[in-house]
Amino acid sequence: MTRELTVGDKAPPFTLARDGGANVSLKDFKGRKLVLYFYPKADTPGCTKEAIAFSGLRAAFAKADTDILGVSADPVAKQDKFKTKHKLSIALGSDESKEMLQAYGAWGEKSMYGLKFVGVIRKTFLIGPDGRIAQIWPKVRVPGHAEAVLEAARAL
């Protein structure tokens, strides 16, 4: 098991398949801020609300020199359908191997309705232009989250 990331840590490098069939890497965002948010499953109610909220604020994030990347373990084809169906304007990464999810502490035990299972933990990281973690939201509640992350990005 990897140690939990903390503010000030260097963000773990990654290269993932992304929507549209290309790849996306941490190095693609060098010199810019990056919102890296992890979501459990494409096209489920909470994940859809979160993706729509980040998409709706994409222009405001761009003004704050901040890119957005949503990541789940869903395959690229499912990410593409999700993006098209909800007219999302943000990049979506696919980590079917779960290596990146584990590196960021976003894969682990969860519980719902008293049942324990392993899956993607909804959490968000704000990575600074220096490649270091500037802020972490370890247990995300979707309402108001994208707005809170935007405020943090503007302040960075």
N, C-alpha and C. Protein backbone atom coordinates (compact mmCIF):
# COMPACT_ATOMS: atom_id res chain seq x y z
N MET A 1 0.84 -1.20 0.00
CA MET A 1 0.00 0.00 0.00
C MET A 1 0.88 1.25 0.00
N THR A 2 0.50 2.25 -0.79
CA THR A 2 1.28 3.48 -0.87
C THR A 2 0.86 4.42 0.24
N ARG A 3 1.77 5.32 0.59
CA ARG A 3 1.44 6.28 1.64
C ARG A 3 0.48 7.33 1.09
N GLU A 4 -0.29 7.90 1.98
CA GLU A 4 -1.27 8.93 1.59
C GLU A 4 -0.54 10.20 1.15
N LEU A 5 -0.94 10.78 0.04
CA LEU A 5 -0.35 12.02 -0.44
C LEU A 5 -0.78 13.18 0.45
N THR A 6 0.10 14.16 0.59
CA THR A 6 -0.22 15.34 1.38
C THR A 6 0.13 16.60 0.59
N VAL A 7 -0.38 17.73 1.03
CA VAL A 7 -0.10 19.01 0.40
C VAL A 7 1.41 19.23 0.42
N GLY A 8 1.94 19.66 -0.71
CA GLY A 8 3.38 19.89 -0.84
C GLY A 8 4.11 18.75 -1.53
N ASP A 9 3.50 17.56 -1.56
CA ASP A 9 4.10 16.42 -2.24
C ASP A 9 4.14 16.67 -3.74
N LYS A 10 5.13 16.09 -4.40
CA LYS A 10 5.17 16.10 -5.86
C LYS A 10 4.05 15.19 -6.35
N ALA A 11 3.27 15.66 -7.30
CA ALA A 11 2.18 14.84 -7.84
C ALA A 11 2.76 13.64 -8.57
N PRO A 12 2.24 12.44 -8.31
CA PRO A 12 2.74 11.26 -9.02
C PRO A 12 2.52 11.38 -10.53
N PRO A 13 3.54 11.05 -11.32
CA PRO A 13 3.39 11.14 -12.77
C PRO A 13 2.41 10.08 -13.28
N PHE A 14 1.79 10.37 -14.41
CA PHE A 14 0.85 9.41 -15.00
C PHE A 14 0.76 9.65 -16.49
N THR A 15 0.38 8.62 -17.20
CA THR A 15 -0.03 8.70 -18.60
C THR A 15 -1.23 7.78 -18.72
N LEU A 16 -2.33 8.34 -19.20
CA LEU A 16 -3.59 7.59 -19.32
C LEU A 16 -4.17 7.73 -20.72
N ALA A 17 -4.95 6.73 -21.12
CA ALA A 17 -5.80 6.89 -22.30
C ALA A 17 -6.89 7.88 -21.90
N ARG A 18 -7.30 8.69 -22.84
CA ARG A 18 -8.35 9.66 -22.53
C ARG A 18 -9.43 9.65 -23.59
N ASP A 19 -10.51 10.34 -23.28
CA ASP A 19 -11.62 10.43 -24.23
C ASP A 19 -11.08 10.88 -25.57
N GLY A 20 -11.71 10.38 -26.63
CA GLY A 20 -11.28 10.75 -27.97
C GLY A 20 -10.14 9.90 -28.50
N GLY A 21 -9.58 9.02 -27.66
CA GLY A 21 -8.56 8.09 -28.13
C GLY A 21 -7.11 8.52 -27.97
N ALA A 22 -6.86 9.73 -27.48
CA ALA A 22 -5.48 10.19 -27.28
C ALA A 22 -5.00 9.77 -25.89
N ASN A 23 -3.80 10.19 -25.54
CA ASN A 23 -3.28 9.99 -24.19
C ASN A 23 -3.15 11.34 -23.49
N VAL A 24 -3.13 11.30 -22.18
CA VAL A 24 -2.93 12.50 -21.38
C VAL A 24 -1.93 12.15 -20.28
N SER A 25 -0.99 13.06 -20.03
CA SER A 25 0.05 12.85 -19.02
C SER A 25 0.14 14.05 -18.10
N LEU A 26 0.66 13.83 -16.92
CA LEU A 26 0.87 14.94 -15.99
C LEU A 26 1.77 16.00 -16.64
N LYS A 27 2.78 15.56 -17.38
CA LYS A 27 3.71 16.52 -17.99
C LYS A 27 3.03 17.44 -19.01
N ASP A 28 1.85 17.06 -19.52
CA ASP A 28 1.10 17.93 -20.44
C ASP A 28 0.67 19.23 -19.78
N PHE A 29 0.63 19.25 -18.45
CA PHE A 29 0.12 20.41 -17.71
C PHE A 29 1.25 21.20 -17.04
N LYS A 30 2.48 20.90 -17.39
CA LYS A 30 3.63 21.57 -16.79
C LYS A 30 3.49 23.09 -16.93
N GLY A 31 3.68 23.80 -15.81
CA GLY A 31 3.59 25.26 -15.82
C GLY A 31 2.17 25.78 -15.69
N ARG A 32 1.19 24.87 -15.58
CA ARG A 32 -0.21 25.28 -15.39
C ARG A 32 -0.76 24.57 -14.16
N LYS A 33 -1.84 25.10 -13.64
CA LYS A 33 -2.53 24.43 -12.53
C LYS A 33 -3.44 23.34 -13.11
N LEU A 34 -3.62 22.28 -12.34
CA LEU A 34 -4.46 21.18 -12.79
C LEU A 34 -5.39 20.74 -11.67
N VAL A 35 -6.68 20.68 -11.98
CA VAL A 35 -7.65 20.04 -11.10
C VAL A 35 -7.74 18.60 -11.57
N LEU A 36 -7.37 17.69 -10.68
CA LEU A 36 -7.42 16.27 -10.97
C LEU A 36 -8.47 15.68 -10.05
N TYR A 37 -9.61 15.32 -10.65
CA TYR A 37 -10.67 14.79 -9.80
C TYR A 37 -11.00 13.36 -10.20
N PHE A 38 -11.22 12.54 -9.18
CA PHE A 38 -11.50 11.12 -9.36
C PHE A 38 -12.97 10.87 -9.08
N TYR A 39 -13.61 10.12 -9.96
CA TYR A 39 -15.03 9.83 -9.79
C TYR A 39 -15.28 8.35 -10.01
N PRO A 40 -16.25 7.79 -9.27
CA PRO A 40 -16.47 6.34 -9.30
C PRO A 40 -16.90 5.74 -10.63
N LYS A 41 -17.90 6.33 -11.29
CA LYS A 41 -18.44 5.65 -12.46
C LYS A 41 -19.14 6.63 -13.39
N ALA A 42 -18.77 6.62 -14.65
CA ALA A 42 -19.37 7.49 -15.65
C ALA A 42 -20.88 7.24 -15.74
N ASP A 43 -21.61 8.33 -15.90
CA ASP A 43 -23.04 8.30 -16.16
C ASP A 43 -23.89 7.80 -14.99
N THR A 44 -23.37 7.96 -13.77
CA THR A 44 -24.18 7.73 -12.57
C THR A 44 -24.57 9.11 -12.05
N PRO A 45 -25.61 9.21 -11.23
CA PRO A 45 -26.12 10.54 -10.85
C PRO A 45 -25.08 11.50 -10.25
N GLY A 46 -24.36 11.07 -9.23
CA GLY A 46 -23.39 11.96 -8.59
C GLY A 46 -22.25 12.34 -9.51
N CYS A 47 -21.75 11.37 -10.25
CA CYS A 47 -20.63 11.60 -11.16
C CYS A 47 -21.06 12.52 -12.31
N THR A 48 -22.27 12.37 -12.77
CA THR A 48 -22.79 13.23 -13.83
C THR A 48 -22.91 14.66 -13.33
N LYS A 49 -23.47 14.85 -12.14
CA LYS A 49 -23.60 16.21 -11.58
C LYS A 49 -22.23 16.86 -11.41
N GLU A 50 -21.26 16.09 -10.94
CA GLU A 50 -19.91 16.63 -10.73
C GLU A 50 -19.27 17.03 -12.06
N ALA A 51 -19.37 16.16 -13.07
CA ALA A 51 -18.77 16.44 -14.38
C ALA A 51 -19.44 17.65 -15.04
N ILE A 52 -20.76 17.76 -14.92
CA ILE A 52 -21.48 18.91 -15.49
C ILE A 52 -21.07 20.19 -14.76
N ALA A 53 -20.88 20.13 -13.45
CA ALA A 53 -20.47 21.31 -12.68
C ALA A 53 -19.08 21.78 -13.13
N PHE A 54 -18.13 20.85 -13.24
CA PHE A 54 -16.79 21.24 -13.69
C PHE A 54 -16.83 21.75 -15.12
N SER A 55 -17.62 21.12 -16.00
CA SER A 55 -17.75 21.59 -17.39
C SER A 55 -18.33 22.99 -17.45
N GLY A 56 -19.32 23.25 -16.62
CA GLY A 56 -19.97 24.56 -16.60
C GLY A 56 -19.03 25.68 -16.16
N LEU A 57 -18.02 25.33 -15.39
CA LEU A 57 -17.07 26.33 -14.89
C LEU A 57 -15.74 26.31 -15.66
N ARG A 58 -15.70 25.55 -16.74
CA ARG A 58 -14.44 25.39 -17.47
C ARG A 58 -13.84 26.72 -17.90
N ALA A 59 -14.64 27.64 -18.38
CA ALA A 59 -14.12 28.95 -18.82
C ALA A 59 -13.54 29.72 -17.64
N ALA A 60 -14.19 29.65 -16.50
CA ALA A 60 -13.68 30.34 -15.30
C ALA A 60 -12.37 29.70 -14.84
N PHE A 61 -12.27 28.37 -14.92
CA PHE A 61 -11.01 27.71 -14.59
C PHE A 61 -9.93 28.13 -15.57
N ALA A 62 -10.25 28.22 -16.85
CA ALA A 62 -9.26 28.63 -17.86
C ALA A 62 -8.74 30.03 -17.56
N LYS A 63 -9.61 30.94 -17.13
CA LYS A 63 -9.18 32.29 -16.75
C LYS A 63 -8.22 32.25 -15.57
N ALA A 64 -8.34 31.22 -14.75
CA ALA A 64 -7.45 31.04 -13.59
C ALA A 64 -6.24 30.17 -13.96
N ASP A 65 -5.97 30.03 -15.27
CA ASP A 65 -4.86 29.21 -15.77
C ASP A 65 -4.89 27.79 -15.20
N THR A 66 -6.07 27.20 -15.17
CA THR A 66 -6.25 25.88 -14.57
C THR A 66 -6.96 24.95 -15.54
N ASP A 67 -6.36 23.78 -15.73
CA ASP A 67 -6.97 22.73 -16.54
C ASP A 67 -7.71 21.76 -15.62
N ILE A 68 -8.60 20.97 -16.20
CA ILE A 68 -9.39 20.00 -15.44
C ILE A 68 -9.28 18.64 -16.10
N LEU A 69 -9.05 17.61 -15.28
CA LEU A 69 -9.03 16.24 -15.77
C LEU A 69 -9.80 15.37 -14.79
N GLY A 70 -10.86 14.74 -15.28
CA GLY A 70 -11.61 13.77 -14.49
C GLY A 70 -11.11 12.38 -14.80
N VAL A 71 -10.95 11.54 -13.77
CA VAL A 71 -10.42 10.20 -13.97
C VAL A 71 -11.29 9.16 -13.27
N SER A 72 -11.57 8.08 -13.98
CA SER A 72 -12.24 6.93 -13.38
C SER A 72 -11.63 5.66 -13.98
N ALA A 73 -12.09 4.52 -13.52
CA ALA A 73 -11.59 3.24 -14.04
C ALA A 73 -12.40 2.79 -15.26
N ASP A 74 -13.36 3.59 -15.70
CA ASP A 74 -14.17 3.24 -16.86
C ASP A 74 -13.33 3.20 -18.13
N PRO A 75 -13.65 2.30 -19.07
CA PRO A 75 -12.92 2.28 -20.35
C PRO A 75 -13.21 3.55 -21.17
N VAL A 76 -12.31 3.85 -22.09
CA VAL A 76 -12.42 5.06 -22.91
C VAL A 76 -13.77 5.12 -23.63
N ALA A 77 -14.25 4.01 -24.17
CA ALA A 77 -15.52 4.02 -24.91
C ALA A 77 -16.65 4.51 -24.01
N LYS A 78 -16.65 4.11 -22.76
CA LYS A 78 -17.70 4.56 -21.83
C LYS A 78 -17.51 6.05 -21.51
N GLN A 79 -16.26 6.48 -21.39
CA GLN A 79 -15.98 7.91 -21.14
C GLN A 79 -16.48 8.75 -22.33
N ASP A 80 -16.23 8.26 -23.54
CA ASP A 80 -16.67 8.99 -24.74
C ASP A 80 -18.20 9.14 -24.77
N LYS A 81 -18.91 8.06 -24.49
CA LYS A 81 -20.38 8.11 -24.47
C LYS A 81 -20.87 9.09 -23.40
N PHE A 82 -20.26 9.03 -22.22
CA PHE A 82 -20.60 9.92 -21.10
C PHE A 82 -20.38 11.38 -21.50
N LYS A 83 -19.25 11.65 -22.12
CA LYS A 83 -18.92 13.02 -22.52
C LYS A 83 -19.90 13.54 -23.57
N THR A 84 -20.21 12.71 -24.55
CA THR A 84 -21.14 13.11 -25.61
C THR A 84 -22.55 13.29 -25.07
N LYS A 85 -23.03 12.34 -24.31
CA LYS A 85 -24.39 12.37 -23.79
C LYS A 85 -24.67 13.62 -22.98
N HIS A 86 -23.69 14.06 -22.17
CA HIS A 86 -23.90 15.20 -21.27
C HIS A 86 -23.21 16.47 -21.75
N LYS A 87 -22.68 16.43 -23.00
CA LYS A 87 -22.02 17.58 -23.61
C LYS A 87 -20.93 18.16 -22.68
N LEU A 88 -20.11 17.27 -22.15
CA LEU A 88 -19.05 17.68 -21.23
C LEU A 88 -17.91 18.34 -22.00
N SER A 89 -17.32 19.36 -21.41
CA SER A 89 -16.23 20.09 -22.08
C SER A 89 -14.89 19.87 -21.39
N ILE A 90 -14.81 18.92 -20.48
CA ILE A 90 -13.57 18.64 -19.77
C ILE A 90 -12.97 17.32 -20.25
N ALA A 91 -11.68 17.16 -20.04
CA ALA A 91 -11.00 15.92 -20.41
C ALA A 91 -11.32 14.83 -19.40
N LEU A 92 -11.48 13.60 -19.90
CA LEU A 92 -11.74 12.45 -19.04
C LEU A 92 -10.68 11.39 -19.29
N GLY A 93 -10.02 10.94 -18.23
CA GLY A 93 -9.00 9.92 -18.34
C GLY A 93 -9.51 8.57 -17.88
N SER A 94 -8.97 7.51 -18.48
CA SER A 94 -9.37 6.15 -18.15
C SER A 94 -8.20 5.41 -17.52
N ASP A 95 -8.39 4.95 -16.29
CA ASP A 95 -7.34 4.18 -15.60
C ASP A 95 -7.86 2.78 -15.29
N GLU A 96 -8.01 1.98 -16.34
CA GLU A 96 -8.51 0.62 -16.14
C GLU A 96 -7.55 -0.24 -15.32
N SER A 97 -6.26 0.07 -15.37
CA SER A 97 -5.26 -0.70 -14.61
C SER A 97 -5.31 -0.34 -13.12
N LYS A 98 -5.87 0.80 -12.82
CA LYS A 98 -5.99 1.34 -11.46
C LYS A 98 -4.65 1.73 -10.83
N GLU A 99 -3.58 1.77 -11.61
CA GLU A 99 -2.27 2.17 -11.10
C GLU A 99 -2.26 3.62 -10.64
N MET A 100 -2.79 4.51 -11.47
CA MET A 100 -2.83 5.92 -11.10
C MET A 100 -3.78 6.14 -9.93
N LEU A 101 -4.94 5.48 -9.98
CA LEU A 101 -5.90 5.61 -8.88
C LEU A 101 -5.23 5.23 -7.55
N GLN A 102 -4.46 4.17 -7.56
CA GLN A 102 -3.77 3.74 -6.34
C GLN A 102 -2.69 4.74 -5.94
N ALA A 103 -1.95 5.27 -6.91
CA ALA A 103 -0.88 6.23 -6.62
C ALA A 103 -1.43 7.48 -5.94
N TYR A 104 -2.66 7.86 -6.28
CA TYR A 104 -3.28 9.05 -5.70
C TYR A 104 -4.19 8.71 -4.51
N GLY A 105 -4.22 7.46 -4.11
CA GLY A 105 -5.06 7.07 -2.97
C GLY A 105 -6.54 7.14 -3.28
N ALA A 106 -6.89 7.01 -4.56
CA ALA A 106 -8.28 7.11 -4.98
C ALA A 106 -8.90 5.75 -5.29
N TRP A 107 -8.22 4.68 -4.89
CA TRP A 107 -8.76 3.33 -5.04
C TRP A 107 -8.67 2.67 -3.69
N GLY A 108 -9.80 2.25 -3.16
CA GLY A 108 -9.75 1.61 -1.85
C GLY A 108 -11.11 1.18 -1.37
N GLU A 109 -11.15 0.82 -0.10
CA GLU A 109 -12.39 0.31 0.49
C GLU A 109 -13.38 1.46 0.71
N LYS A 110 -14.60 1.18 0.37
CA LYS A 110 -15.71 2.12 0.54
C LYS A 110 -16.86 1.35 1.17
N SER A 111 -17.85 2.09 1.63
CA SER A 111 -19.05 1.40 2.09
C SER A 111 -20.27 2.19 1.64
N MET A 112 -21.30 1.45 1.29
CA MET A 112 -22.57 2.06 0.89
C MET A 112 -23.68 1.16 1.41
N TYR A 113 -24.60 1.78 2.11
CA TYR A 113 -25.74 1.04 2.68
C TYR A 113 -25.26 -0.12 3.55
N GLY A 114 -24.15 0.10 4.25
CA GLY A 114 -23.63 -0.91 5.16
C GLY A 114 -22.79 -1.99 4.51
N LEU A 115 -22.69 -1.98 3.18
CA LEU A 115 -21.87 -2.98 2.48
C LEU A 115 -20.49 -2.39 2.19
N LYS A 116 -19.46 -3.17 2.43
CA LYS A 116 -18.09 -2.74 2.14
C LYS A 116 -17.66 -3.32 0.80
N PHE A 117 -16.97 -2.51 0.00
CA PHE A 117 -16.47 -2.95 -1.30
C PHE A 117 -15.29 -2.08 -1.68
N VAL A 118 -14.55 -2.48 -2.70
CA VAL A 118 -13.41 -1.72 -3.18
C VAL A 118 -13.81 -1.00 -4.46
N GLY A 119 -13.44 0.26 -4.56
CA GLY A 119 -13.78 1.04 -5.75
C GLY A 119 -13.08 2.38 -5.76
N VAL A 120 -13.46 3.24 -6.70
CA VAL A 120 -12.89 4.57 -6.83
C VAL A 120 -13.45 5.46 -5.73
N ILE A 121 -12.56 6.12 -5.03
CA ILE A 121 -12.93 7.06 -3.97
C ILE A 121 -13.02 8.44 -4.60
N ARG A 122 -14.15 9.12 -4.38
CA ARG A 122 -14.35 10.45 -4.96
C ARG A 122 -13.47 11.44 -4.19
N LYS A 123 -12.40 11.89 -4.84
CA LYS A 123 -11.51 12.88 -4.23
C LYS A 123 -10.94 13.77 -5.31
N THR A 124 -10.44 14.93 -4.91
CA THR A 124 -9.93 15.92 -5.85
C THR A 124 -8.60 16.46 -5.37
N PHE A 125 -7.71 16.70 -6.33
CA PHE A 125 -6.42 17.31 -6.06
C PHE A 125 -6.28 18.57 -6.90
N LEU A 126 -5.74 19.63 -6.31
CA LEU A 126 -5.35 20.81 -7.06
C LEU A 126 -3.82 20.78 -7.10
N ILE A 127 -3.28 20.68 -8.31
CA ILE A 127 -1.84 20.60 -8.50
C ILE A 127 -1.36 21.94 -9.04
N GLY A 128 -0.34 22.48 -8.41
CA GLY A 128 0.20 23.78 -8.81
C GLY A 128 1.04 23.69 -10.06
N PRO A 129 1.41 24.85 -10.63
CA PRO A 129 2.23 24.87 -11.84
C PRO A 129 3.61 24.22 -11.65
N ASP A 130 4.03 24.09 -10.39
CA ASP A 130 5.32 23.47 -10.06
C ASP A 130 5.22 21.95 -9.97
N GLY A 131 4.01 21.39 -10.20
CA GLY A 131 3.83 19.94 -10.15
C GLY A 131 3.64 19.40 -8.74
N ARG A 132 3.46 20.30 -7.78
CA ARG A 132 3.24 19.88 -6.40
C ARG A 132 1.76 20.01 -6.03
N ILE A 133 1.33 19.16 -5.11
CA ILE A 133 -0.06 19.18 -4.68
C ILE A 133 -0.29 20.41 -3.79
N ALA A 134 -1.23 21.25 -4.21
CA ALA A 134 -1.52 22.48 -3.49
C ALA A 134 -2.70 22.32 -2.53
N GLN A 135 -3.64 21.46 -2.88
CA GLN A 135 -4.80 21.24 -2.02
C GLN A 135 -5.41 19.88 -2.35
N ILE A 136 -6.00 19.27 -1.31
CA ILE A 136 -6.65 17.96 -1.47
C ILE A 136 -8.04 18.03 -0.84
N TRP A 137 -9.01 17.51 -1.56
CA TRP A 137 -10.36 17.31 -1.02
C TRP A 137 -10.53 15.80 -0.92
N PRO A 138 -10.33 15.21 0.27
CA PRO A 138 -10.30 13.74 0.39
C PRO A 138 -11.66 13.05 0.34
N LYS A 139 -12.71 13.72 0.73
CA LYS A 139 -14.04 13.10 0.72
C LYS A 139 -15.02 14.12 0.14
N VAL A 140 -15.17 14.05 -1.15
CA VAL A 140 -15.95 15.05 -1.87
C VAL A 140 -17.45 14.83 -1.74
N ARG A 141 -18.14 15.91 -1.48
CA ARG A 141 -19.60 15.96 -1.61
C ARG A 141 -19.84 16.84 -2.83
N VAL A 142 -20.61 16.37 -3.78
CA VAL A 142 -20.73 17.01 -5.08
C VAL A 142 -21.31 18.43 -5.03
N PRO A 143 -22.42 18.70 -4.34
CA PRO A 143 -22.98 20.06 -4.39
C PRO A 143 -21.98 21.12 -3.90
N GLY A 144 -21.68 22.09 -4.77
CA GLY A 144 -20.79 23.19 -4.42
C GLY A 144 -19.30 22.86 -4.53
N HIS A 145 -18.97 21.63 -4.85
CA HIS A 145 -17.56 21.23 -4.88
C HIS A 145 -16.78 21.94 -5.99
N ALA A 146 -17.29 21.95 -7.20
CA ALA A 146 -16.57 22.57 -8.32
C ALA A 146 -16.31 24.05 -8.03
N GLU A 147 -17.27 24.71 -7.41
CA GLU A 147 -17.12 26.13 -7.06
C GLU A 147 -16.01 26.32 -6.02
N ALA A 148 -15.96 25.43 -5.04
CA ALA A 148 -14.92 25.50 -4.00
C ALA A 148 -13.53 25.29 -4.60
N VAL A 149 -13.43 24.35 -5.53
CA VAL A 149 -12.15 24.09 -6.19
C VAL A 149 -11.74 25.29 -7.04
N LEU A 150 -12.70 25.92 -7.72
CA LEU A 150 -12.41 27.10 -8.51
C LEU A 150 -11.84 28.23 -7.63
N GLU A 151 -12.44 28.45 -6.48
CA GLU A 151 -11.96 29.48 -5.56
C GLU A 151 -10.52 29.18 -5.14
N ALA A 152 -10.22 27.94 -4.86
CA ALA A 152 -8.86 27.54 -4.46
C ALA A 152 -7.88 27.76 -5.62
N ALA A 153 -8.32 27.43 -6.84
CA ALA A 153 -7.47 27.63 -8.02
C ALA A 153 -7.17 29.11 -8.23
N ARG A 154 -8.18 29.94 -8.05
CA ARG A 154 -7.99 31.39 -8.21
C ARG A 154 -7.01 31.93 -7.17
N ALA A 155 -7.04 31.38 -5.97
CA ALA A 155 -6.20 31.84 -4.87
C ALA A 155 -4.76 31.35 -4.98
N LEU A 156 -4.53 30.34 -5.81
CA LEU A 156 -3.20 29.75 -5.91
C LEU A 156 -2.30 30.57 -6.82
